[in-house]
Amino acid sequence: MLDPNFFILYVDSPAASAAFYADLLGHTPIQASPNFALLALQSGVKLGLRSRREVEPAATVTGGGTELAFAVDSDATVTSMHAEWARRGLPILQAPVRMNFGYTFVAADPDGHRLRVVAPSAP
């Protein structure tokens, strides 16, 4: 059975995006070049940041077409992360709100990739 554990975002500047995600997530890149950076997260998932100009075949969709989601333990954590990310200057695309799947907000990274934080509803 396949289990995806490596995600790649197409970005304008891998170095700038690596600095953004290193600061946001607290993980330094384990690999960096002019057209690619890689962060290994505590969960075992790897986050790749590829220069959108170097992708082959060329990508037709860029930031905003998907979400990188962060499940957290409580509504209070959603609220505190929203305040922290707003303080850091991340664009907030959706203020904290209760939706059918949980309490959530959405921010964006410098390339417009959507970052959703959610405290999932109890099943």
PDB file of N, CA and C in Angstrom:
ATOM      1  N   MET A   1       0.843  -1.171   0.000  1.00  0.00           N
ATOM      2  CA  MET A   1       0.000   0.000   0.000  1.00  0.00           C
ATOM      3  C   MET A   1       0.889   1.235   0.000  1.00  0.00           C
ATOM      4  N   LEU A   2       0.532   2.223  -0.814  1.00  0.00           N
ATOM      5  CA  LEU A   2       1.282   3.475  -0.867  1.00  0.00           C
ATOM      6  C   LEU A   2       0.805   4.434   0.209  1.00  0.00           C
ATOM      7  N   ASP A   3       1.729   5.174   0.777  1.00  0.00           N
ATOM      8  CA  ASP A   3       1.421   6.141   1.817  1.00  0.00           C
ATOM      9  C   ASP A   3       2.198   7.416   1.511  1.00  0.00           C
ATOM     10  N   PRO A   4       1.546   8.419   0.884  1.00  0.00           N
ATOM     11  CA  PRO A   4       2.278   9.644   0.538  1.00  0.00           C
ATOM     12  C   PRO A   4       2.896  10.291   1.771  1.00  0.00           C
ATOM     13  N   ASN A   5       4.165  10.669   1.640  1.00  0.00           N
ATOM     14  CA  ASN A   5       4.848  11.304   2.759  1.00  0.00           C
ATOM     15  C   ASN A   5       5.764  12.435   2.317  1.00  0.00           C
ATOM     16  N   PHE A   6       5.564  12.920   1.071  1.00  0.00           N
ATOM     17  CA  PHE A   6       6.433  13.938   0.515  1.00  0.00           C
ATOM     18  C   PHE A   6       5.577  14.828  -0.370  1.00  0.00           C
ATOM     19  N   PHE A   7       5.484  16.097  -0.016  1.00  0.00           N
ATOM     20  CA  PHE A   7       4.666  17.048  -0.762  1.00  0.00           C
ATOM     21  C   PHE A   7       5.559  18.138  -1.320  1.00  0.00           C
ATOM     22  N   ILE A   8       5.275  18.586  -2.529  1.00  0.00           N
ATOM     23  CA  ILE A   8       6.065  19.630  -3.164  1.00  0.00           C
ATOM     24  C   ILE A   8       5.154  20.797  -3.519  1.00  0.00           C
ATOM     25  N   LEU A   9       5.571  21.984  -3.090  1.00  0.00           N
ATOM     26  CA  LEU A   9       4.886  23.210  -3.464  1.00  0.00           C
ATOM     27  C   LEU A   9       5.733  23.928  -4.499  1.00  0.00           C
ATOM     28  N   TYR A  10       5.105  24.453  -5.537  1.00  0.00           N
ATOM     29  CA  TYR A  10       5.815  25.232  -6.543  1.00  0.00           C
ATOM     30  C   TYR A  10       5.853  26.681  -6.076  1.00  0.00           C
ATOM     31  N   VAL A  11       7.053  27.235  -6.000  1.00  0.00           N
ATOM     32  CA  VAL A  11       7.254  28.555  -5.411  1.00  0.00           C
ATOM     33  C   VAL A  11       8.083  29.439  -6.327  1.00  0.00           C
ATOM     34  N   ASP A  12       8.014  30.731  -6.084  1.00  0.00           N
ATOM     35  CA  ASP A  12       8.806  31.671  -6.867  1.00  0.00           C
ATOM     36  C   ASP A  12      10.278  31.589  -6.491  1.00  0.00           C
ATOM     37  N   SER A  13      10.557  31.555  -5.189  1.00  0.00           N
ATOM     38  CA  SER A  13      11.934  31.505  -4.703  1.00  0.00           C
ATOM     39  C   SER A  13      12.066  30.432  -3.632  1.00  0.00           C
ATOM     40  N   PRO A  14      12.685  29.289  -3.967  1.00  0.00           N
ATOM     41  CA  PRO A  14      12.861  28.252  -2.948  1.00  0.00           C
ATOM     42  C   PRO A  14      13.589  28.751  -1.697  1.00  0.00           C
ATOM     43  N   ALA A  15      14.571  29.617  -1.853  1.00  0.00           N
ATOM     44  CA  ALA A  15      15.301  30.118  -0.671  1.00  0.00           C
ATOM     45  C   ALA A  15      14.381  30.945   0.224  1.00  0.00           C
ATOM     46  N   ALA A  16      13.603  31.840  -0.361  1.00  0.00           N
ATOM     47  CA  ALA A  16      12.683  32.671   0.424  1.00  0.00           C
ATOM     48  C   ALA A  16      11.604  31.808   1.072  1.00  0.00           C
ATOM     49  N   SER A  17      11.074  30.847   0.324  1.00  0.00           N
ATOM     50  CA  SER A  17      10.041  29.965   0.879  1.00  0.00           C
ATOM     51  C   SER A  17      10.608  29.065   1.969  1.00  0.00           C
ATOM     52  N   ALA A  18      11.844  28.603   1.802  1.00  0.00           N
ATOM     53  CA  ALA A  18      12.475  27.780   2.831  1.00  0.00           C
ATOM     54  C   ALA A  18      12.648  28.590   4.115  1.00  0.00           C
ATOM     55  N   ALA A  19      13.036  29.847   3.987  1.00  0.00           N
ATOM     56  CA  ALA A  19      13.178  30.701   5.173  1.00  0.00           C
ATOM     57  C   ALA A  19      11.816  30.910   5.831  1.00  0.00           C
ATOM     58  N   PHE A  20      10.775  31.139   5.042  1.00  0.00           N
ATOM     59  CA  PHE A  20       9.424  31.324   5.566  1.00  0.00           C
ATOM     60  C   PHE A  20       8.973  30.089   6.339  1.00  0.00           C
ATOM     61  N   TYR A  21       9.081  28.909   5.718  1.00  0.00           N
ATOM     62  CA  TYR A  21       8.613  27.683   6.369  1.00  0.00           C
ATOM     63  C   TYR A  21       9.512  27.274   7.539  1.00  0.00           C
ATOM     64  N   ALA A  22      10.812  27.530   7.448  1.00  0.00           N
ATOM     65  CA  ALA A  22      11.703  27.225   8.575  1.00  0.00           C
ATOM     66  C   ALA A  22      11.287  28.039   9.790  1.00  0.00           C
ATOM     67  N   ASP A  23      10.973  29.313   9.587  1.00  0.00           N
ATOM     68  CA  ASP A  23      10.542  30.164  10.687  1.00  0.00           C
ATOM     69  C   ASP A  23       9.164  29.754  11.196  1.00  0.00           C
ATOM     70  N   LEU A  24       8.227  29.481  10.285  1.00  0.00           N
ATOM     71  CA  LEU A  24       6.856  29.139  10.671  1.00  0.00           C
ATOM     72  C   LEU A  24       6.775  27.795  11.377  1.00  0.00           C
ATOM     73  N   LEU A  25       7.506  26.788  10.861  1.00  0.00           N
ATOM     74  CA  LEU A  25       7.393  25.421  11.369  1.00  0.00           C
ATOM     75  C   LEU A  25       8.499  25.027  12.343  1.00  0.00           C
ATOM     76  N   GLY A  26       9.552  25.817  12.421  1.00  0.00           N
ATOM     77  CA  GLY A  26      10.640  25.499  13.339  1.00  0.00           C
ATOM     78  C   GLY A  26      11.536  24.373  12.864  1.00  0.00           C
ATOM     79  N   HIS A  27      11.645  24.182  11.558  1.00  0.00           N
ATOM     80  CA  HIS A  27      12.515  23.148  10.986  1.00  0.00           C
ATOM     81  C   HIS A  27      13.399  23.787   9.924  1.00  0.00           C
ATOM     82  N   THR A  28      14.690  23.548   9.999  1.00  0.00           N
ATOM     83  CA  THR A  28      15.585  24.082   8.982  1.00  0.00           C
ATOM     84  C   THR A  28      15.638  23.120   7.796  1.00  0.00           C
ATOM     85  N   PRO A  29      15.882  23.638   6.608  1.00  0.00           N
ATOM     86  CA  PRO A  29      15.965  22.760   5.438  1.00  0.00           C
ATOM     87  C   PRO A  29      17.106  21.751   5.582  1.00  0.00           C
ATOM     88  N   ILE A  30      16.846  20.540   5.117  1.00  0.00           N
ATOM     89  CA  ILE A  30      17.894  19.514   5.113  1.00  0.00           C
ATOM     90  C   ILE A  30      18.576  19.458   3.757  1.00  0.00           C
ATOM     91  N   GLN A  31      18.002  20.161   2.788  1.00  0.00           N
ATOM     92  CA  GLN A  31      18.581  20.244   1.448  1.00  0.00           C
ATOM     93  C   GLN A  31      18.196  21.593   0.876  1.00  0.00           C
ATOM     94  N   ALA A  32      19.134  22.254   0.196  1.00  0.00           N
ATOM     95  CA  ALA A  32      18.840  23.543  -0.412  1.00  0.00           C
ATOM     96  C   ALA A  32      19.718  23.755  -1.630  1.00  0.00           C
ATOM     97  N   SER A  33      19.109  24.205  -2.708  1.00  0.00           N
ATOM     98  CA  SER A  33      19.812  24.584  -3.925  1.00  0.00           C
ATOM     99  C   SER A  33      19.053  25.773  -4.502  1.00  0.00           C
ATOM    100  N   PRO A  34      19.548  26.375  -5.559  1.00  0.00           N
ATOM    101  CA  PRO A  34      18.830  27.527  -6.116  1.00  0.00           C
ATOM    102  C   PRO A  34      17.399  27.207  -6.589  1.00  0.00           C
ATOM    103  N   ASN A  35      17.128  25.939  -6.950  1.00  0.00           N
ATOM    104  CA  ASN A  35      15.792  25.636  -7.466  1.00  0.00           C
ATOM    105  C   ASN A  35      14.986  24.668  -6.606  1.00  0.00           C
ATOM    106  N   PHE A  36      15.505  24.290  -5.423  1.00  0.00           N
ATOM    107  CA  PHE A  36      14.776  23.344  -4.587  1.00  0.00           C
ATOM    108  C   PHE A  36      15.246  23.428  -3.145  1.00  0.00           C
ATOM    109  N   ALA A  37      14.301  23.283  -2.216  1.00  0.00           N
ATOM    110  CA  ALA A  37      14.630  23.164  -0.783  1.00  0.00           C
ATOM    111  C   ALA A  37      13.742  22.077  -0.202  1.00  0.00           C
ATOM    112  N   LEU A  38      14.246  21.404   0.827  1.00  0.00           N
ATOM    113  CA  LEU A  38      13.513  20.304   1.442  1.00  0.00           C
ATOM    114  C   LEU A  38      13.565  20.435   2.958  1.00  0.00           C
ATOM    115  N   LEU A  39      12.375  20.353   3.577  1.00  0.00           N
ATOM    116  CA  LEU A  39      12.270  20.340   5.026  1.00  0.00           C
ATOM    117  C   LEU A  39      11.729  18.985   5.442  1.00  0.00           C
ATOM    118  N   ALA A  40      12.336  18.362   6.446  1.00  0.00           N
ATOM    119  CA  ALA A  40      11.849  17.108   7.011  1.00  0.00           C
ATOM    120  C   ALA A  40      11.138  17.457   8.309  1.00  0.00           C
ATOM    121  N   LEU A  41       9.852  17.152   8.374  1.00  0.00           N
ATOM    122  CA  LEU A  41       9.053  17.519   9.535  1.00  0.00           C
ATOM    123  C   LEU A  41       9.046  16.402  10.570  1.00  0.00           C
ATOM    124  N   GLN A  42       8.718  16.741  11.792  1.00  0.00           N
ATOM    125  CA  GLN A  42       8.750  15.791  12.902  1.00  0.00           C
ATOM    126  C   GLN A  42       7.859  14.584  12.639  1.00  0.00           C
ATOM    127  N   SER A  43       6.768  14.760  11.906  1.00  0.00           N
ATOM    128  CA  SER A  43       5.839  13.664  11.609  1.00  0.00           C
ATOM    129  C   SER A  43       6.424  12.649  10.634  1.00  0.00           C
ATOM    130  N   GLY A  44       7.535  13.012   9.989  1.00  0.00           N
ATOM    131  CA  GLY A  44       8.112  12.164   8.959  1.00  0.00           C
ATOM    132  C   GLY A  44       7.767  12.649   7.557  1.00  0.00           C
ATOM    133  N   VAL A  45       6.802  13.543   7.450  1.00  0.00           N
ATOM    134  CA  VAL A  45       6.443  14.123   6.155  1.00  0.00           C
ATOM    135  C   VAL A  45       7.555  15.063   5.715  1.00  0.00           C
ATOM    136  N   LYS A  46       7.825  15.072   4.425  1.00  0.00           N
ATOM    137  CA  LYS A  46       8.810  15.994   3.853  1.00  0.00           C
ATOM    138  C   LYS A  46       8.067  17.040   3.027  1.00  0.00           C
ATOM    139  N   LEU A  47       8.521  18.282   3.145  1.00  0.00           N
ATOM    140  CA  LEU A  47       7.948  19.388   2.391  1.00  0.00           C
ATOM    141  C   LEU A  47       8.999  19.911   1.441  1.00  0.00           C
ATOM    142  N   GLY A  48       8.753  19.726   0.148  1.00  0.00           N
ATOM    143  CA  GLY A  48       9.661  20.214  -0.878  1.00  0.00           C
ATOM    144  C   GLY A  48       9.168  21.537  -1.427  1.00  0.00           C
ATOM    145  N   LEU A  49      10.103  22.397  -1.769  1.00  0.00           N
ATOM    146  CA  LEU A  49       9.799  23.715  -2.326  1.00  0.00           C
ATOM    147  C   LEU A  49      10.565  23.840  -3.636  1.00  0.00           C
ATOM    148  N   ARG A  50       9.874  23.672  -4.747  1.00  0.00           N
ATOM    149  CA  ARG A  50      10.491  23.627  -6.082  1.00  0.00           C
ATOM    150  C   ARG A  50      10.242  24.937  -6.808  1.00  0.00           C
ATOM    151  N   SER A  51      11.255  25.446  -7.473  1.00  0.00           N
ATOM    152  CA  SER A  51      11.081  26.642  -8.294  1.00  0.00           C
ATOM    153  C   SER A  51      10.056  26.349  -9.389  1.00  0.00           C
ATOM    154  N   ARG A  52       9.012  27.177  -9.453  1.00  0.00           N
ATOM    155  CA  ARG A  52       7.962  26.929 -10.458  1.00  0.00           C
ATOM    156  C   ARG A  52       8.502  27.060 -11.885  1.00  0.00           C
ATOM    157  N   ARG A  53       9.612  27.760 -12.048  1.00  0.00           N
ATOM    158  CA  ARG A  53      10.210  27.901 -13.385  1.00  0.00           C
ATOM    159  C   ARG A  53      10.979  26.656 -13.807  1.00  0.00           C
ATOM    160  N   GLU A  54      11.279  25.761 -12.866  1.00  0.00           N
ATOM    161  CA  GLU A  54      12.079  24.563 -13.148  1.00  0.00           C
ATOM    162  C   GLU A  54      11.250  23.288 -13.256  1.00  0.00           C
ATOM    163  N   VAL A  55       9.969  23.353 -12.989  1.00  0.00           N
ATOM    164  CA  VAL A  55       9.124  22.158 -12.965  1.00  0.00           C
ATOM    165  C   VAL A  55       8.931  21.622 -14.382  1.00  0.00           C
ATOM    166  N   GLU A  56       9.154  20.316 -14.528  1.00  0.00           N
ATOM    167  CA  GLU A  56       8.923  19.646 -15.816  1.00  0.00           C
ATOM    168  C   GLU A  56       8.092  18.403 -15.578  1.00  0.00           C
ATOM    169  N   PRO A  57       7.014  18.221 -16.300  1.00  0.00           N
ATOM    170  CA  PRO A  57       6.453  19.173 -17.247  1.00  0.00           C
ATOM    171  C   PRO A  57       5.942  20.412 -16.509  1.00  0.00           C
ATOM    172  N   ALA A  58       5.843  21.502 -17.236  1.00  0.00           N
ATOM    173  CA  ALA A  58       5.437  22.776 -16.638  1.00  0.00           C
ATOM    174  C   ALA A  58       4.108  22.641 -15.905  1.00  0.00           C
ATOM    175  N   ALA A  59       4.024  23.284 -14.757  1.00  0.00           N
ATOM    176  CA  ALA A  59       2.790  23.266 -13.959  1.00  0.00           C
ATOM    177  C   ALA A  59       1.832  24.332 -14.475  1.00  0.00           C
ATOM    178  N   THR A  60       0.553  23.999 -14.472  1.00  0.00           N
ATOM    179  CA  THR A  60      -0.448  24.972 -14.908  1.00  0.00           C
ATOM    180  C   THR A  60      -1.187  25.595 -13.731  1.00  0.00           C
ATOM    181  N   VAL A  61      -1.030  25.020 -12.531  1.00  0.00           N
ATOM    182  CA  VAL A  61      -1.669  25.545 -11.329  1.00  0.00           C
ATOM    183  C   VAL A  61      -0.572  25.955 -10.358  1.00  0.00           C
ATOM    184  N   THR A  62      -0.738  27.124  -9.745  1.00  0.00           N
ATOM    185  CA  THR A  62       0.223  27.553  -8.734  1.00  0.00           C
ATOM    186  C   THR A  62      -0.528  27.771  -7.422  1.00  0.00           C
ATOM    187  N   GLY A  63       0.007  28.569  -6.530  1.00  0.00           N
ATOM    188  CA  GLY A  63      -0.543  28.758  -5.196  1.00  0.00           C
ATOM    189  C   GLY A  63      -2.040  28.995  -5.150  1.00  0.00           C
ATOM    190  N   GLY A  64      -2.678  28.445  -4.118  1.00  0.00           N
ATOM    191  CA  GLY A  64      -4.102  28.634  -3.904  1.00  0.00           C
ATOM    192  C   GLY A  64      -4.964  27.510  -4.412  1.00  0.00           C
ATOM    193  N   GLY A  65      -4.405  26.596  -5.196  1.00  0.00           N
ATOM    194  CA  GLY A  65      -5.179  25.496  -5.757  1.00  0.00           C
ATOM    195  C   GLY A  65      -5.354  24.316  -4.817  1.00  0.00           C
ATOM    196  N   THR A  66      -4.606  24.311  -3.719  1.00  0.00           N
ATOM    197  CA  THR A  66      -4.684  23.235  -2.727  1.00  0.00           C
ATOM    198  C   THR A  66      -4.466  23.847  -1.345  1.00  0.00           C
ATOM    199  N   GLU A  67      -4.556  23.019  -0.323  1.00  0.00           N
ATOM    200  CA  GLU A  67      -4.292  23.476   1.034  1.00  0.00           C
ATOM    201  C   GLU A  67      -3.285  22.562   1.716  1.00  0.00           C
ATOM    202  N   LEU A  68      -2.418  23.157   2.478  1.00  0.00           N
ATOM    203  CA  LEU A  68      -1.551  22.428   3.399  1.00  0.00           C
ATOM    204  C   LEU A  68      -2.238  22.575   4.754  1.00  0.00           C
ATOM    205  N   ALA A  69      -2.702  21.467   5.326  1.00  0.00           N
ATOM    206  CA  ALA A  69      -3.526  21.527   6.532  1.00  0.00           C
ATOM    207  C   ALA A  69      -2.756  21.088   7.763  1.00  0.00           C
ATOM    208  N   PHE A  70      -3.063  21.745   8.874  1.00  0.00           N
ATOM    209  CA  PHE A  70      -2.443  21.472  10.169  1.00  0.00           C
ATOM    210  C   PHE A  70      -3.565  21.178  11.154  1.00  0.00           C
ATOM    211  N   ALA A  71      -3.720  19.927  11.554  1.00  0.00           N
ATOM    212  CA  ALA A  71      -4.718  19.564  12.556  1.00  0.00           C
ATOM    213  C   ALA A  71      -4.132  19.836  13.936  1.00  0.00           C
ATOM    214  N   VAL A  72      -4.895  20.538  14.768  1.00  0.00           N
ATOM    215  CA  VAL A  72      -4.453  20.863  16.120  1.00  0.00           C
ATOM    216  C   VAL A  72      -5.458  20.322  17.125  1.00  0.00           C
ATOM    217  N   ASP A  73      -5.114  20.406  18.395  1.00  0.00           N
ATOM    218  CA  ASP A  73      -5.887  19.719  19.436  1.00  0.00           C
ATOM    219  C   ASP A  73      -7.102  20.455  19.971  1.00  0.00           C
ATOM    220  N   SER A  74      -7.230  21.760  19.723  1.00  0.00           N
ATOM    221  CA  SER A  74      -8.344  22.468  20.352  1.00  0.00           C
ATOM    222  C   SER A  74      -8.687  23.764  19.628  1.00  0.00           C
ATOM    223  N   ASP A  75      -9.896  24.254  19.897  1.00  0.00           N
ATOM    224  CA  ASP A  75     -10.311  25.552  19.370  1.00  0.00           C
ATOM    225  C   ASP A  75      -9.380  26.651  19.865  1.00  0.00           C
ATOM    226  N   ALA A  76      -8.938  26.546  21.114  1.00  0.00           N
ATOM    227  CA  ALA A  76      -8.036  27.553  21.681  1.00  0.00           C
ATOM    228  C   ALA A  76      -6.721  27.610  20.903  1.00  0.00           C
ATOM    229  N   THR A  77      -6.228  26.456  20.463  1.00  0.00           N
ATOM    230  CA  THR A  77      -4.989  26.434  19.670  1.00  0.00           C
ATOM    231  C   THR A  77      -5.219  27.112  18.323  1.00  0.00           C
ATOM    232  N   VAL A  78      -6.369  26.866  17.700  1.00  0.00           N
ATOM    233  CA  VAL A  78      -6.707  27.554  16.440  1.00  0.00           C
ATOM    234  C   VAL A  78      -6.683  29.060  16.671  1.00  0.00           C
ATOM    235  N   THR A  79      -7.333  29.510  17.722  1.00  0.00           N
ATOM    236  CA  THR A  79      -7.409  30.944  18.017  1.00  0.00           C
ATOM    237  C   THR A  79      -6.028  31.537  18.252  1.00  0.00           C
ATOM    238  N   SER A  80      -5.186  30.858  19.019  1.00  0.00           N
ATOM    239  CA  SER A  80      -3.854  31.391  19.307  1.00  0.00           C
ATOM    240  C   SER A  80      -2.962  31.372  18.062  1.00  0.00           C
ATOM    241  N   MET A  81      -3.072  30.322  17.240  1.00  0.00           N
ATOM    242  CA  MET A  81      -2.268  30.279  16.012  1.00  0.00           C
ATOM    243  C   MET A  81      -2.718  31.377  15.043  1.00  0.00           C
ATOM    244  N   HIS A  82      -4.018  31.611  14.960  1.00  0.00           N
ATOM    245  CA  HIS A  82      -4.525  32.688  14.107  1.00  0.00           C
ATOM    246  C   HIS A  82      -3.916  34.025  14.540  1.00  0.00           C
ATOM    247  N   ALA A  83      -3.938  34.306  15.838  1.00  0.00           N
ATOM    248  CA  ALA A  83      -3.376  35.555  16.344  1.00  0.00           C
ATOM    249  C   ALA A  83      -1.885  35.651  16.047  1.00  0.00           C
ATOM    250  N   GLU A  84      -1.155  34.553  16.242  1.00  0.00           N
ATOM    251  CA  GLU A  84       0.289  34.544  15.994  1.00  0.00           C
ATOM    252  C   GLU A  84       0.600  34.743  14.515  1.00  0.00           C
ATOM    253  N   TRP A  85      -0.104  34.031  13.647  1.00  0.00           N
ATOM    254  CA  TRP A  85       0.174  34.155  12.216  1.00  0.00           C
ATOM    255  C   TRP A  85      -0.215  35.533  11.694  1.00  0.00           C
ATOM    256  N   ALA A  86      -1.295  36.100  12.209  1.00  0.00           N
ATOM    257  CA  ALA A  86      -1.673  37.461  11.815  1.00  0.00           C
ATOM    258  C   ALA A  86      -0.597  38.441  12.289  1.00  0.00           C
ATOM    259  N   ARG A  87      -0.077  38.238  13.511  1.00  0.00           N
ATOM    260  CA  ARG A  87       0.987  39.090  14.034  1.00  0.00           C
ATOM    261  C   ARG A  87       2.235  39.018  13.160  1.00  0.00           C
ATOM    262  N   ARG A  88       2.511  37.830  12.627  1.00  0.00           N
ATOM    263  CA  ARG A  88       3.671  37.646  11.745  1.00  0.00           C
ATOM    264  C   ARG A  88       3.453  38.259  10.358  1.00  0.00           C
ATOM    265  N   GLY A  89       2.224  38.643  10.060  1.00  0.00           N
ATOM    266  CA  GLY A  89       1.935  39.282   8.781  1.00  0.00           C
ATOM    267  C   GLY A  89       1.461  38.343   7.693  1.00  0.00           C
ATOM    268  N   LEU A  90       1.135  37.088   8.031  1.00  0.00           N
ATOM    269  CA  LEU A  90       0.596  36.190   7.013  1.00  0.00           C
ATOM    270  C   LEU A  90      -0.773  36.705   6.576  1.00  0.00           C
ATOM    271  N   PRO A  91      -1.050  36.704   5.298  1.00  0.00           N
ATOM    272  CA  PRO A  91      -2.391  37.086   4.861  1.00  0.00           C
ATOM    273  C   PRO A  91      -3.410  36.079   5.399  1.00  0.00           C
ATOM    274  N   ILE A  92      -4.442  36.565   6.042  1.00  0.00           N
ATOM    275  CA  ILE A  92      -5.507  35.707   6.567  1.00  0.00           C
ATOM    276  C   ILE A  92      -6.638  35.701   5.541  1.00  0.00           C
ATOM    277  N   LEU A  93      -6.877  34.538   4.953  1.00  0.00           N
ATOM    278  CA  LEU A  93      -7.903  34.397   3.923  1.00  0.00           C
ATOM    279  C   LEU A  93      -9.268  34.090   4.521  1.00  0.00           C
ATOM    280  N   GLN A  94      -9.269  33.481   5.705  1.00  0.00           N
ATOM    281  CA  GLN A  94     -10.516  33.165   6.398  1.00  0.00           C
ATOM    282  C   GLN A  94     -10.241  33.268   7.898  1.00  0.00           C
ATOM    283  N   ALA A  95     -10.980  34.135   8.569  1.00  0.00           N
ATOM    284  CA  ALA A  95     -10.859  34.265  10.025  1.00  0.00           C
ATOM    285  C   ALA A  95     -11.382  32.992  10.680  1.00  0.00           C
ATOM    286  N   PRO A  96     -11.029  32.752  11.933  1.00  0.00           N
ATOM    287  CA  PRO A  96     -11.527  31.551  12.602  1.00  0.00           C
ATOM    288  C   PRO A  96     -13.054  31.450  12.526  1.00  0.00           C
ATOM    289  N   VAL A  97     -13.499  30.253  12.172  1.00  0.00           N
ATOM    290  CA  VAL A  97     -14.925  29.997  11.975  1.00  0.00           C
ATOM    291  C   VAL A  97     -15.197  28.518  12.239  1.00  0.00           C
ATOM    292  N   ARG A  98     -16.384  28.229  12.724  1.00  0.00           N
ATOM    293  CA  ARG A  98     -16.785  26.830  12.893  1.00  0.00           C
ATOM    294  C   ARG A  98     -17.395  26.364  11.571  1.00  0.00           C
ATOM    295  N   MET A  99     -16.883  25.254  11.065  1.00  0.00           N
ATOM    296  CA  MET A  99     -17.408  24.653   9.842  1.00  0.00           C
ATOM    297  C   MET A  99     -17.831  23.223  10.179  1.00  0.00           C
ATOM    298  N   ASN A 100     -18.395  22.523   9.225  1.00  0.00           N
ATOM    299  CA  ASN A 100     -18.902  21.179   9.508  1.00  0.00           C
ATOM    300  C   ASN A 100     -17.808  20.198   9.923  1.00  0.00           C
ATOM    301  N   PHE A 101     -16.561  20.463   9.608  1.00  0.00           N
ATOM    302  CA  PHE A 101     -15.461  19.554   9.940  1.00  0.00           C
ATOM    303  C   PHE A 101     -14.644  20.008  11.142  1.00  0.00           C
ATOM    304  N   GLY A 102     -14.913  21.224  11.667  1.00  0.00           N
ATOM    305  CA  GLY A 102     -14.186  21.692  12.835  1.00  0.00           C
ATOM    306  C   GLY A 102     -14.042  23.200  12.865  1.00  0.00           C
ATOM    307  N   TYR A 103     -13.292  23.680  13.851  1.00  0.00           N
ATOM    308  CA  TYR A 103     -13.012  25.094  14.015  1.00  0.00           C
ATOM    309  C   TYR A 103     -11.731  25.381  13.261  1.00  0.00           C
ATOM    310  N   THR A 104     -11.729  26.400  12.392  1.00  0.00           N
ATOM    311  CA  THR A 104     -10.648  26.532  11.425  1.00  0.00           C
ATOM    312  C   THR A 104     -10.401  27.976  11.018  1.00  0.00           C
ATOM    313  N   PHE A 105      -9.208  28.220  10.488  1.00  0.00           N
ATOM    314  CA  PHE A 105      -8.910  29.460   9.761  1.00  0.00           C
ATOM    315  C   PHE A 105      -7.952  29.121   8.637  1.00  0.00           C
ATOM    316  N   VAL A 106      -7.843  30.045   7.674  1.00  0.00           N
ATOM    317  CA  VAL A 106      -6.958  29.841   6.527  1.00  0.00           C
ATOM    318  C   VAL A 106      -6.082  31.081   6.350  1.00  0.00           C
ATOM    319  N   ALA A 107      -4.780  30.842   6.194  1.00  0.00           N
ATOM    320  CA  ALA A 107      -3.804  31.889   5.884  1.00  0.00           C
ATOM    321  C   ALA A 107      -3.153  31.534   4.548  1.00  0.00           C
ATOM    322  N   ALA A 108      -2.241  32.363   4.097  1.00  0.00           N
ATOM    323  CA  ALA A 108      -1.526  32.085   2.851  1.00  0.00           C
ATOM    324  C   ALA A 108      -0.039  32.306   3.055  1.00  0.00           C
ATOM    325  N   ASP A 109       0.761  31.506   2.330  1.00  0.00           N
ATOM    326  CA  ASP A 109       2.210  31.708   2.347  1.00  0.00           C
ATOM    327  C   ASP A 109       2.562  32.769   1.296  1.00  0.00           C
ATOM    328  N   PRO A 110       3.843  33.116   1.143  1.00  0.00           N
ATOM    329  CA  PRO A 110       4.213  34.177   0.193  1.00  0.00           C
ATOM    330  C   PRO A 110       3.851  33.882  -1.265  1.00  0.00           C
ATOM    331  N   ASP A 111       3.634  32.611  -1.612  1.00  0.00           N
ATOM    332  CA  ASP A 111       3.270  32.253  -2.988  1.00  0.00           C
ATOM    333  C   ASP A 111       1.774  32.038  -3.151  1.00  0.00           C
ATOM    334  N   GLY A 112       1.002  32.285  -2.107  1.00  0.00           N
ATOM    335  CA  GLY A 112      -0.446  32.125  -2.191  1.00  0.00           C
ATOM    336  C   GLY A 112      -0.951  30.730  -1.867  1.00  0.00           C
ATOM    337  N   HIS A 113      -0.061  29.833  -1.424  1.00  0.00           N
ATOM    338  CA  HIS A 113      -0.512  28.499  -1.009  1.00  0.00           C
ATOM    339  C   HIS A 113      -1.334  28.648   0.261  1.00  0.00           C
ATOM    340  N   ARG A 114      -2.471  27.973   0.296  1.00  0.00           N
ATOM    341  CA  ARG A 114      -3.378  28.070   1.432  1.00  0.00           C
ATOM    342  C   ARG A 114      -2.900  27.185   2.581  1.00  0.00           C
ATOM    343  N   LEU A 115      -2.882  27.753   3.781  1.00  0.00           N
ATOM    344  CA  LEU A 115      -2.463  27.064   4.994  1.00  0.00           C
ATOM    345  C   LEU A 115      -3.661  27.025   5.936  1.00  0.00           C
ATOM    346  N   ARG A 116      -4.268  25.848   6.095  1.00  0.00           N
ATOM    347  CA  ARG A 116      -5.450  25.712   6.944  1.00  0.00           C
ATOM    348  C   ARG A 116      -5.057  25.099   8.281  1.00  0.00           C
ATOM    349  N   VAL A 117      -5.500  25.745   9.352  1.00  0.00           N
ATOM    350  CA  VAL A 117      -5.341  25.209  10.704  1.00  0.00           C
ATOM    351  C   VAL A 117      -6.743  24.811  11.151  1.00  0.00           C
ATOM    352  N   VAL A 118      -6.875  23.596  11.682  1.00  0.00           N
ATOM    353  CA  VAL A 118      -8.198  23.105  12.063  1.00  0.00           C
ATOM    354  C   VAL A 118      -8.128  22.254  13.329  1.00  0.00           C
ATOM    355  N   ALA A 119      -9.086  22.498  14.208  1.00  0.00           N
ATOM    356  CA  ALA A 119      -9.338  21.600  15.329  1.00  0.00           C
ATOM    357  C   ALA A 119     -10.529  20.774  14.899  1.00  0.00           C
ATOM    358  N   PRO A 120     -10.302  19.515  14.483  1.00  0.00           N
ATOM    359  CA  PRO A 120     -11.384  18.712  13.925  1.00  0.00           C
ATOM    360  C   PRO A 120     -12.537  18.514  14.907  1.00  0.00           C
ATOM    361  N   SER A 121     -13.746  18.463  14.363  1.00  0.00           N
ATOM    362  CA  SER A 121     -14.933  18.147  15.155  1.00  0.00           C
ATOM    363  C   SER A 121     -14.835  16.704  15.626  1.00  0.00           C
ATOM    364  N   ALA A 122     -15.404  16.450  16.781  1.00  0.00           N
ATOM    365  CA  ALA A 122     -15.443  15.060  17.286  1.00  0.00           C
ATOM    366  C   ALA A 122     -16.324  14.229  16.370  1.00  0.00           C
ATOM    367  N   PRO A 123     -15.909  12.978  16.111  1.00  0.00           N
ATOM    368  CA  PRO A 123     -16.703  12.129  15.211  1.00  0.00           C
ATOM    369  C   PRO A 123     -18.047  11.750  15.800  1.00  0.00           C
TER     370      PRO A 123
END
